[in-house]
């Protein structure tokens, strides 16, 4: 079986960072045949590129969050590489993980059975730290700040890639908890009007998050993101 990447997107409790962790793991013929290691690619002979997008209204446009690449000859196949991104705001996110061939000479890969590069191949140069591609006009360096380039890398036949999709509710969850904390204080002060208002606000956020998750689960990604955006607007939660 060929390499089959697995990944886990996560959100920090303070809502400041999003992480993507490679959870591919080490090859095991019975329990993990798609893992790192023979007969699949070794992690220390690979570069792992991760990048992320967040949906942004209007027109459901995907905006880049960031990109990172990791390589080390000392990596072990059971290692879990983690990538950190600034967290823009709640809503629909895409996380991409791309296994790139690694090379020290721009001629062939460092794989146990080296692959001699042919036109269209993409790899990571371990000496210069650059991502290269062999084109009809020769070898070019790819700009990882260009979203079109990132998309092309993901689509390349020479790259093993994975897409993870997720809805994040970090700032909404923090706001919901704030509402309920204030509600308990208002109850202690016997401010019934404020208790009712804060309870309604907290419940509206909780139900809205649940609605968005159901929409996402049934493939309604744009609608799910719109639900989150409406909640962010209603409770004045800025990016």
Foldseek 3Di string as FASTA:
>chain_A
DEADWDWDWDADLQRFKIKIKTQLFADDPPPRPNFADPVYHHQQQKKKKKWKWFFDDDPRDTDTQDIDIDHHNPDGRRDMDMDMTTRAAFAKMKMKIKIFFEDQPLQWGPTPPIDGDDAQHWHAHPVVRFIWGQHPVGIDTDDPVDVVSVVSRQVGPNIDMDMDMDTDCNVLVVLLVVLVVVLVVCVVVVVVVSNVVSVVLSVLSVVLLVVLVVCVVVPNRVVSRVSVVVNCVVVVPHD
